[in-house]
N, C-alpha and C. Protein backbone atom coordinates (compact mmCIF):
# COMPACT_ATOMS: atom_id res chain seq x y z
N UNK A 1 -4.54 -3.40 -21.50
CA UNK A 1 -5.41 -4.07 -20.56
C UNK A 1 -4.69 -5.23 -19.88
N UNK A 2 -3.85 -5.93 -20.64
CA UNK A 2 -3.13 -7.06 -20.07
C UNK A 2 -2.19 -6.60 -18.96
N UNK A 3 -1.53 -5.45 -19.17
CA UNK A 3 -0.62 -4.90 -18.16
C UNK A 3 -1.38 -4.57 -16.88
N UNK A 4 -2.58 -4.00 -16.99
CA UNK A 4 -3.39 -3.66 -15.82
C UNK A 4 -3.76 -4.93 -15.05
N UNK A 5 -4.14 -5.99 -15.75
CA UNK A 5 -4.47 -7.25 -15.12
C UNK A 5 -3.28 -7.83 -14.38
N UNK A 6 -2.12 -7.71 -14.97
CA UNK A 6 -0.90 -8.21 -14.33
C UNK A 6 -0.60 -7.42 -13.06
N UNK A 7 -0.82 -6.09 -13.13
CA UNK A 7 -0.59 -5.24 -11.95
C UNK A 7 -1.50 -5.65 -10.81
N UNK A 8 -2.77 -5.89 -11.12
CA UNK A 8 -3.71 -6.30 -10.08
C UNK A 8 -3.33 -7.67 -9.51
N UNK A 9 -2.91 -8.56 -10.38
CA UNK A 9 -2.45 -9.87 -9.91
C UNK A 9 -1.26 -9.69 -8.97
N UNK A 10 -0.30 -8.85 -9.36
CA UNK A 10 0.86 -8.58 -8.51
C UNK A 10 0.43 -7.98 -7.17
N UNK A 11 -0.57 -7.11 -7.19
CA UNK A 11 -1.07 -6.50 -5.95
C UNK A 11 -1.66 -7.56 -5.03
N UNK A 12 -2.41 -8.49 -5.59
CA UNK A 12 -3.00 -9.54 -4.77
C UNK A 12 -1.94 -10.53 -4.28
N UNK A 13 -0.93 -10.78 -5.09
CA UNK A 13 0.19 -11.64 -4.65
C UNK A 13 0.89 -10.98 -3.46
N UNK A 14 1.10 -9.68 -3.55
CA UNK A 14 1.73 -8.95 -2.44
C UNK A 14 0.87 -9.06 -1.19
N UNK A 15 -0.43 -8.94 -1.34
CA UNK A 15 -1.34 -9.06 -0.19
C UNK A 15 -1.26 -10.43 0.43
N UNK A 16 -1.24 -11.45 -0.40
CA UNK A 16 -1.16 -12.82 0.11
C UNK A 16 0.19 -13.09 0.79
N UNK A 17 1.26 -12.51 0.23
CA UNK A 17 2.57 -12.66 0.86
C UNK A 17 2.58 -12.01 2.24
N UNK A 18 2.00 -10.83 2.33
CA UNK A 18 1.94 -10.15 3.62
C UNK A 18 1.09 -10.95 4.59
N UNK A 19 -0.04 -11.45 4.13
CA UNK A 19 -0.92 -12.25 4.98
C UNK A 19 -0.20 -13.50 5.49
N UNK A 20 0.61 -14.10 4.61
CA UNK A 20 1.36 -15.30 4.98
C UNK A 20 2.36 -15.01 6.10
N UNK A 21 2.85 -13.78 6.16
CA UNK A 21 3.80 -13.38 7.20
C UNK A 21 3.10 -12.98 8.49
N UNK A 22 1.79 -13.12 8.55
CA UNK A 22 1.03 -12.69 9.73
C UNK A 22 0.40 -13.84 10.50
N UNK A 23 1.16 -14.85 10.86
CA UNK A 23 0.55 -15.89 11.69
C UNK A 23 0.17 -15.29 13.05
N UNK A 24 -0.76 -15.91 13.68
CA UNK A 24 -1.25 -15.43 14.98
C UNK A 24 -0.07 -15.17 15.92
N UNK A 25 -0.06 -13.99 16.51
CA UNK A 25 0.97 -13.65 17.47
C UNK A 25 2.17 -12.92 16.88
N UNK A 26 2.29 -12.84 15.56
CA UNK A 26 3.40 -12.12 14.94
C UNK A 26 3.08 -10.64 14.91
N UNK A 27 4.05 -9.83 15.25
CA UNK A 27 3.86 -8.38 15.22
C UNK A 27 3.62 -7.93 13.79
N UNK A 28 2.68 -7.04 13.62
CA UNK A 28 2.31 -6.54 12.29
C UNK A 28 3.51 -5.97 11.56
N UNK A 29 4.31 -5.16 12.24
CA UNK A 29 5.47 -4.55 11.60
C UNK A 29 6.50 -5.58 11.17
N UNK A 30 6.63 -6.66 11.92
CA UNK A 30 7.58 -7.71 11.54
C UNK A 30 7.21 -8.33 10.20
N UNK A 31 5.93 -8.42 9.92
CA UNK A 31 5.49 -8.98 8.64
C UNK A 31 5.94 -8.11 7.47
N UNK A 32 6.02 -6.81 7.68
CA UNK A 32 6.46 -5.90 6.63
C UNK A 32 7.95 -5.96 6.37
N UNK A 33 8.71 -6.28 7.37
CA UNK A 33 10.16 -6.27 7.25
C UNK A 33 10.64 -7.19 6.13
N UNK A 34 10.08 -8.39 6.05
CA UNK A 34 10.51 -9.37 5.05
C UNK A 34 9.69 -9.34 3.77
N UNK A 35 8.72 -8.46 3.69
CA UNK A 35 7.83 -8.42 2.52
C UNK A 35 8.56 -7.93 1.28
N UNK A 36 8.50 -8.72 0.23
CA UNK A 36 9.02 -8.33 -1.08
C UNK A 36 7.82 -8.14 -1.99
N UNK A 37 7.66 -6.94 -2.50
CA UNK A 37 6.52 -6.64 -3.37
C UNK A 37 6.88 -6.89 -4.82
N UNK A 38 5.92 -7.41 -5.57
CA UNK A 38 6.09 -7.60 -7.01
C UNK A 38 5.95 -6.22 -7.66
N UNK A 39 7.02 -5.71 -8.25
CA UNK A 39 6.98 -4.36 -8.80
C UNK A 39 7.38 -4.28 -10.28
N UNK A 40 7.48 -5.41 -10.94
CA UNK A 40 7.93 -5.40 -12.33
C UNK A 40 7.00 -4.59 -13.23
N UNK A 41 5.72 -4.53 -12.91
CA UNK A 41 4.76 -3.83 -13.76
C UNK A 41 4.56 -2.38 -13.33
N UNK A 42 5.28 -1.95 -12.31
CA UNK A 42 5.13 -0.59 -11.80
C UNK A 42 6.31 0.27 -12.23
N UNK A 43 6.02 1.53 -12.49
CA UNK A 43 7.09 2.45 -12.87
C UNK A 43 7.26 3.51 -11.81
N UNK A 44 8.51 3.75 -11.46
CA UNK A 44 8.84 4.84 -10.55
C UNK A 44 8.63 6.13 -11.33
N UNK A 45 7.83 7.01 -10.78
CA UNK A 45 7.53 8.28 -11.46
C UNK A 45 8.70 9.22 -11.53
N UNK A 46 9.75 8.95 -10.78
CA UNK A 46 10.94 9.78 -10.84
C UNK A 46 11.92 9.15 -11.81
N UNK A 47 12.48 9.94 -12.72
CA UNK A 47 13.48 9.38 -13.65
C UNK A 47 14.73 8.96 -12.87
N UNK A 48 15.55 8.13 -13.51
CA UNK A 48 16.74 7.61 -12.84
C UNK A 48 17.67 8.71 -12.33
N UNK A 49 17.72 9.82 -13.05
CA UNK A 49 18.63 10.90 -12.65
C UNK A 49 18.09 11.71 -11.47
N UNK A 50 16.82 11.53 -11.12
CA UNK A 50 16.21 12.29 -10.03
C UNK A 50 16.88 11.93 -8.71
N UNK A 51 17.21 12.92 -7.91
CA UNK A 51 17.90 12.63 -6.65
C UNK A 51 16.95 12.18 -5.53
N UNK A 52 16.09 11.22 -5.82
CA UNK A 52 15.15 10.72 -4.81
C UNK A 52 15.93 10.09 -3.66
N UNK A 53 15.67 10.58 -2.47
CA UNK A 53 16.42 10.07 -1.33
C UNK A 53 15.73 8.88 -0.68
N UNK A 54 14.59 8.50 -1.21
CA UNK A 54 13.86 7.36 -0.67
C UNK A 54 13.62 6.35 -1.78
N UNK A 55 14.03 5.09 -1.58
CA UNK A 55 13.88 4.09 -2.64
C UNK A 55 12.40 3.81 -2.93
N UNK A 56 12.12 3.54 -4.18
CA UNK A 56 10.77 3.28 -4.65
C UNK A 56 10.11 2.14 -3.87
N UNK A 57 10.81 1.02 -3.71
CA UNK A 57 10.26 -0.14 -3.03
C UNK A 57 9.92 0.18 -1.58
N UNK A 58 10.79 0.91 -0.91
CA UNK A 58 10.54 1.29 0.48
C UNK A 58 9.32 2.20 0.61
N UNK A 59 9.19 3.13 -0.32
CA UNK A 59 8.03 4.04 -0.28
C UNK A 59 6.75 3.27 -0.60
N UNK A 60 6.84 2.30 -1.48
CA UNK A 60 5.68 1.48 -1.80
C UNK A 60 5.22 0.72 -0.55
N UNK A 61 6.14 0.13 0.18
CA UNK A 61 5.79 -0.57 1.42
C UNK A 61 5.18 0.39 2.44
N UNK A 62 5.73 1.59 2.52
CA UNK A 62 5.22 2.59 3.44
C UNK A 62 3.75 2.90 3.13
N UNK A 63 3.43 3.07 1.86
CA UNK A 63 2.05 3.40 1.49
C UNK A 63 1.10 2.21 1.66
N UNK A 64 1.57 1.00 1.43
CA UNK A 64 0.72 -0.16 1.70
C UNK A 64 0.40 -0.20 3.20
N UNK A 65 1.40 0.06 4.02
CA UNK A 65 1.21 0.11 5.47
C UNK A 65 0.18 1.17 5.84
N UNK A 66 0.34 2.37 5.29
CA UNK A 66 -0.60 3.46 5.59
C UNK A 66 -2.02 3.09 5.20
N UNK A 67 -2.17 2.46 4.05
CA UNK A 67 -3.51 2.10 3.58
C UNK A 67 -4.12 0.98 4.41
N UNK A 68 -3.31 0.09 4.90
CA UNK A 68 -3.82 -1.00 5.75
C UNK A 68 -4.23 -0.46 7.12
N UNK A 69 -3.43 0.42 7.66
CA UNK A 69 -3.69 0.91 9.02
C UNK A 69 -4.66 2.09 9.05
N UNK A 70 -4.72 2.85 7.96
CA UNK A 70 -5.53 4.06 7.95
C UNK A 70 -4.87 5.20 8.67
N UNK A 71 -3.58 5.04 9.02
CA UNK A 71 -2.85 6.09 9.71
C UNK A 71 -2.68 7.30 8.80
N UNK A 72 -2.49 8.45 9.41
CA UNK A 72 -2.24 9.68 8.65
C UNK A 72 -0.74 9.83 8.40
N UNK A 73 -0.41 10.69 7.46
CA UNK A 73 1.00 10.98 7.20
C UNK A 73 1.66 11.49 8.47
N UNK A 74 0.97 12.37 9.18
CA UNK A 74 1.52 12.97 10.40
C UNK A 74 1.80 11.91 11.47
N UNK A 75 0.85 10.99 11.67
CA UNK A 75 1.07 9.99 12.71
C UNK A 75 2.24 9.08 12.36
N UNK A 76 2.42 8.81 11.09
CA UNK A 76 3.55 7.97 10.68
C UNK A 76 4.89 8.64 11.00
N UNK A 77 4.95 9.94 10.84
CA UNK A 77 6.22 10.64 11.10
C UNK A 77 6.60 10.62 12.58
N UNK A 78 5.65 10.27 13.44
CA UNK A 78 5.94 10.17 14.87
C UNK A 78 6.53 8.81 15.26
N UNK A 79 6.74 7.95 14.27
CA UNK A 79 7.27 6.61 14.53
C UNK A 79 8.52 6.35 13.70
N UNK A 80 9.61 7.01 14.05
CA UNK A 80 10.85 6.84 13.26
C UNK A 80 11.37 5.41 13.26
N UNK A 81 10.96 4.62 14.25
CA UNK A 81 11.41 3.23 14.32
C UNK A 81 10.88 2.38 13.17
N UNK A 82 9.87 2.87 12.48
CA UNK A 82 9.29 2.12 11.35
C UNK A 82 10.15 2.21 10.09
N UNK A 83 11.11 3.11 10.06
CA UNK A 83 11.95 3.26 8.87
C UNK A 83 12.58 1.94 8.47
N UNK A 84 13.12 1.20 9.42
CA UNK A 84 13.75 -0.10 9.13
C UNK A 84 12.75 -1.09 8.55
N UNK A 85 11.52 -1.03 9.02
CA UNK A 85 10.47 -1.93 8.54
C UNK A 85 10.26 -1.77 7.04
N UNK A 86 10.34 -0.53 6.56
CA UNK A 86 10.11 -0.25 5.15
C UNK A 86 11.39 -0.26 4.32
N UNK A 87 12.53 -0.44 4.98
CA UNK A 87 13.80 -0.42 4.26
C UNK A 87 14.25 0.99 3.93
N UNK A 88 13.89 1.95 4.78
CA UNK A 88 14.27 3.34 4.58
C UNK A 88 15.28 3.76 5.65
N UNK A 89 16.07 4.77 5.35
CA UNK A 89 17.01 5.29 6.34
C UNK A 89 16.29 6.07 7.43
N UNK A 90 15.20 6.71 7.04
CA UNK A 90 14.37 7.46 7.98
C UNK A 90 12.98 7.60 7.41
N UNK A 91 12.03 7.93 8.27
CA UNK A 91 10.66 8.16 7.81
C UNK A 91 10.62 9.55 7.18
N UNK A 92 10.12 9.67 5.96
CA UNK A 92 10.05 10.99 5.33
C UNK A 92 9.05 11.90 6.05
N UNK A 93 9.22 13.19 5.86
CA UNK A 93 8.27 14.13 6.45
C UNK A 93 6.96 14.12 5.66
N UNK A 94 5.95 14.78 6.21
CA UNK A 94 4.62 14.77 5.59
C UNK A 94 4.64 15.28 4.16
N UNK A 95 5.42 16.30 3.90
CA UNK A 95 5.49 16.88 2.56
C UNK A 95 6.02 15.88 1.54
N UNK A 96 7.07 15.16 1.90
CA UNK A 96 7.65 14.15 1.00
C UNK A 96 6.65 13.03 0.76
N UNK A 97 5.98 12.60 1.82
CA UNK A 97 4.99 11.53 1.68
C UNK A 97 3.87 11.97 0.73
N UNK A 98 3.38 13.17 0.93
CA UNK A 98 2.30 13.70 0.09
C UNK A 98 2.75 13.84 -1.37
N UNK A 99 3.93 14.39 -1.59
CA UNK A 99 4.44 14.56 -2.95
C UNK A 99 4.68 13.23 -3.63
N UNK A 100 5.12 12.24 -2.87
CA UNK A 100 5.32 10.91 -3.44
C UNK A 100 4.01 10.37 -3.97
N UNK A 101 2.95 10.47 -3.17
CA UNK A 101 1.64 9.94 -3.58
C UNK A 101 1.13 10.69 -4.81
N UNK A 102 1.25 12.01 -4.81
CA UNK A 102 0.68 12.82 -5.90
C UNK A 102 1.55 12.83 -7.15
N UNK A 103 2.87 12.91 -6.98
CA UNK A 103 3.75 13.14 -8.13
C UNK A 103 4.58 11.94 -8.55
N UNK A 104 5.05 11.17 -7.60
CA UNK A 104 5.92 10.04 -7.94
C UNK A 104 5.10 8.82 -8.35
N UNK A 105 4.01 8.59 -7.66
CA UNK A 105 3.17 7.43 -7.94
C UNK A 105 2.09 7.81 -8.95
N UNK A 106 2.06 7.09 -10.06
CA UNK A 106 1.01 7.32 -11.04
C UNK A 106 -0.24 6.54 -10.64
N UNK A 107 -1.34 6.70 -11.38
CA UNK A 107 -2.57 5.99 -11.00
C UNK A 107 -2.41 4.47 -10.89
N UNK A 108 -1.53 3.88 -11.69
CA UNK A 108 -1.31 2.43 -11.61
C UNK A 108 -0.67 2.04 -10.28
N UNK A 109 0.31 2.81 -9.83
CA UNK A 109 0.97 2.51 -8.56
C UNK A 109 0.00 2.73 -7.41
N UNK A 110 -0.76 3.82 -7.46
CA UNK A 110 -1.75 4.09 -6.41
C UNK A 110 -2.80 2.97 -6.37
N UNK A 111 -3.22 2.49 -7.53
CA UNK A 111 -4.18 1.38 -7.58
C UNK A 111 -3.61 0.10 -7.01
N UNK A 112 -2.33 -0.15 -7.28
CA UNK A 112 -1.63 -1.32 -6.73
C UNK A 112 -1.63 -1.26 -5.21
N UNK A 113 -1.27 -0.11 -4.66
CA UNK A 113 -1.22 0.08 -3.21
C UNK A 113 -2.59 -0.18 -2.60
N UNK A 114 -3.60 0.44 -3.17
CA UNK A 114 -4.96 0.31 -2.64
C UNK A 114 -5.47 -1.13 -2.74
N UNK A 115 -5.27 -1.75 -3.89
CA UNK A 115 -5.77 -3.12 -4.09
C UNK A 115 -5.10 -4.09 -3.12
N UNK A 116 -3.78 -4.01 -2.99
CA UNK A 116 -3.10 -4.97 -2.11
C UNK A 116 -3.45 -4.70 -0.65
N UNK A 117 -3.50 -3.45 -0.25
CA UNK A 117 -3.82 -3.13 1.14
C UNK A 117 -5.24 -3.54 1.50
N UNK A 118 -6.18 -3.26 0.64
CA UNK A 118 -7.58 -3.62 0.93
C UNK A 118 -7.76 -5.13 0.97
N UNK A 119 -7.04 -5.84 0.14
CA UNK A 119 -7.11 -7.30 0.17
C UNK A 119 -6.60 -7.82 1.51
N UNK A 120 -5.51 -7.25 2.02
CA UNK A 120 -4.97 -7.67 3.32
C UNK A 120 -5.98 -7.38 4.43
N UNK A 121 -6.56 -6.19 4.42
CA UNK A 121 -7.54 -5.82 5.45
C UNK A 121 -8.71 -6.81 5.43
N UNK A 122 -9.21 -7.12 4.25
CA UNK A 122 -10.33 -8.06 4.15
C UNK A 122 -9.94 -9.45 4.64
N UNK A 123 -8.76 -9.92 4.27
CA UNK A 123 -8.29 -11.24 4.72
C UNK A 123 -8.19 -11.30 6.24
N UNK A 124 -7.62 -10.28 6.83
CA UNK A 124 -7.43 -10.26 8.28
C UNK A 124 -8.77 -10.29 8.99
N UNK A 125 -9.71 -9.48 8.52
CA UNK A 125 -11.03 -9.45 9.15
C UNK A 125 -11.83 -10.74 8.88
N UNK A 126 -11.73 -11.25 7.66
CA UNK A 126 -12.46 -12.48 7.33
C UNK A 126 -11.97 -13.67 8.14
N UNK A 127 -10.67 -13.67 8.48
CA UNK A 127 -10.10 -14.77 9.25
C UNK A 127 -10.11 -14.48 10.75
N UNK A 128 -10.69 -13.35 11.13
CA UNK A 128 -10.78 -12.96 12.54
C UNK A 128 -9.43 -12.97 13.25
N UNK A 129 -8.40 -12.50 12.56
CA UNK A 129 -7.08 -12.40 13.17
C UNK A 129 -7.03 -11.18 14.07
N UNK A 130 -6.29 -11.29 15.13
CA UNK A 130 -6.12 -10.17 16.05
C UNK A 130 -4.91 -9.35 15.61
N UNK A 131 -5.18 -8.32 14.82
CA UNK A 131 -4.13 -7.41 14.36
C UNK A 131 -4.67 -5.99 14.60
N UNK A 132 -4.42 -5.45 15.79
CA UNK A 132 -5.04 -4.18 16.17
C UNK A 132 -4.67 -3.00 15.27
N UNK A 133 -3.54 -3.08 14.57
CA UNK A 133 -3.13 -1.97 13.71
C UNK A 133 -4.00 -1.82 12.46
N UNK A 134 -4.72 -2.86 12.10
CA UNK A 134 -5.48 -2.88 10.85
C UNK A 134 -6.77 -2.07 10.99
N UNK A 135 -7.03 -1.28 9.98
CA UNK A 135 -8.22 -0.42 9.99
C UNK A 135 -9.49 -1.26 9.95
N UNK A 136 -10.62 -0.69 10.34
CA UNK A 136 -11.89 -1.42 10.31
C UNK A 136 -12.28 -1.83 8.88
N UNK A 137 -12.88 -2.98 8.77
CA UNK A 137 -13.29 -3.51 7.47
C UNK A 137 -14.28 -2.56 6.78
N UNK A 138 -15.13 -1.92 7.54
CA UNK A 138 -16.14 -1.03 6.97
C UNK A 138 -15.50 0.11 6.16
N UNK A 139 -14.35 0.59 6.61
CA UNK A 139 -13.67 1.66 5.89
C UNK A 139 -13.22 1.19 4.51
N UNK A 140 -12.75 -0.03 4.43
CA UNK A 140 -12.30 -0.58 3.16
C UNK A 140 -13.49 -0.85 2.24
N UNK A 141 -14.55 -1.41 2.80
CA UNK A 141 -15.74 -1.68 1.99
C UNK A 141 -16.33 -0.39 1.46
N UNK A 142 -16.40 0.64 2.30
CA UNK A 142 -16.95 1.93 1.89
C UNK A 142 -16.10 2.53 0.79
N UNK A 143 -14.78 2.46 0.93
CA UNK A 143 -13.87 2.98 -0.08
C UNK A 143 -14.03 2.23 -1.40
N UNK A 144 -14.18 0.90 -1.34
CA UNK A 144 -14.36 0.09 -2.54
C UNK A 144 -15.66 0.43 -3.24
N UNK A 145 -16.71 0.65 -2.46
CA UNK A 145 -18.01 1.00 -3.04
C UNK A 145 -17.95 2.37 -3.71
N UNK A 146 -17.25 3.33 -3.09
CA UNK A 146 -17.11 4.66 -3.68
C UNK A 146 -16.33 4.59 -4.98
N UNK A 147 -15.27 3.79 -5.00
CA UNK A 147 -14.46 3.63 -6.21
C UNK A 147 -15.29 3.01 -7.33
N UNK A 148 -16.06 1.97 -7.01
CA UNK A 148 -16.91 1.33 -8.00
C UNK A 148 -17.94 2.31 -8.54
N UNK A 149 -18.55 3.08 -7.66
CA UNK A 149 -19.57 4.04 -8.09
C UNK A 149 -18.96 5.11 -8.99
N UNK A 150 -17.79 5.62 -8.64
CA UNK A 150 -17.18 6.66 -9.47
C UNK A 150 -16.74 6.09 -10.81
N UNK A 151 -16.31 4.84 -10.84
CA UNK A 151 -15.94 4.19 -12.10
C UNK A 151 -17.16 4.01 -12.98
N UNK A 152 -18.26 3.58 -12.37
CA UNK A 152 -19.49 3.41 -13.14
C UNK A 152 -19.99 4.72 -13.71
N UNK A 153 -19.81 5.80 -12.96
CA UNK A 153 -20.28 7.11 -13.42
C UNK A 153 -19.42 7.68 -14.52
N UNK A 154 -18.17 7.24 -14.65
CA UNK A 154 -17.29 7.79 -15.67
C UNK A 154 -17.10 6.84 -16.84
N UNK A 155 -17.71 5.68 -16.80
CA UNK A 155 -17.57 4.74 -17.90
C UNK A 155 -18.42 5.20 -19.07
N UNK A 156 -17.82 5.38 -20.23
CA UNK A 156 -18.60 5.85 -21.39
C UNK A 156 -19.58 4.78 -21.85
N UNK A 157 -20.71 5.22 -22.30
CA UNK A 157 -21.70 4.27 -22.83
C UNK A 157 -21.29 3.86 -24.23
N UNK A 158 -21.51 2.61 -24.55
CA UNK A 158 -21.14 2.10 -25.87
C UNK A 158 -22.33 2.07 -26.79
């Protein structure tokens, strides 16, 4: 339980770091370029010997970006210029992105991505910042409510 709490704390720290890089007038992608995510509590689902051609940290930034913007895997592949933003040599294809989410990222990593991204979306909307790339607040609230409801439905009674 302590490890999970630390992961959530790290996710919120990442969100606050990203928010700090978003002063009015700064391009959204520029904020990602310098973002360093706290990843000590996260495990790369690929073993060290795996020939992963995309670094874990870069893929983590890519998924935080996707969750903040609500963009699809396909739309991301149409923007090869974003590779530098995430610290990647190139934007992976849809299949690699999908496999990374399903196979490389365990539930803890996926939770980290979602928690930090949703925190950023809420901060941006609460502060009325003009960041057109950010998804509508309602999408994040709806997703949070669905997650809470599904957690409540699967929690065993004591």
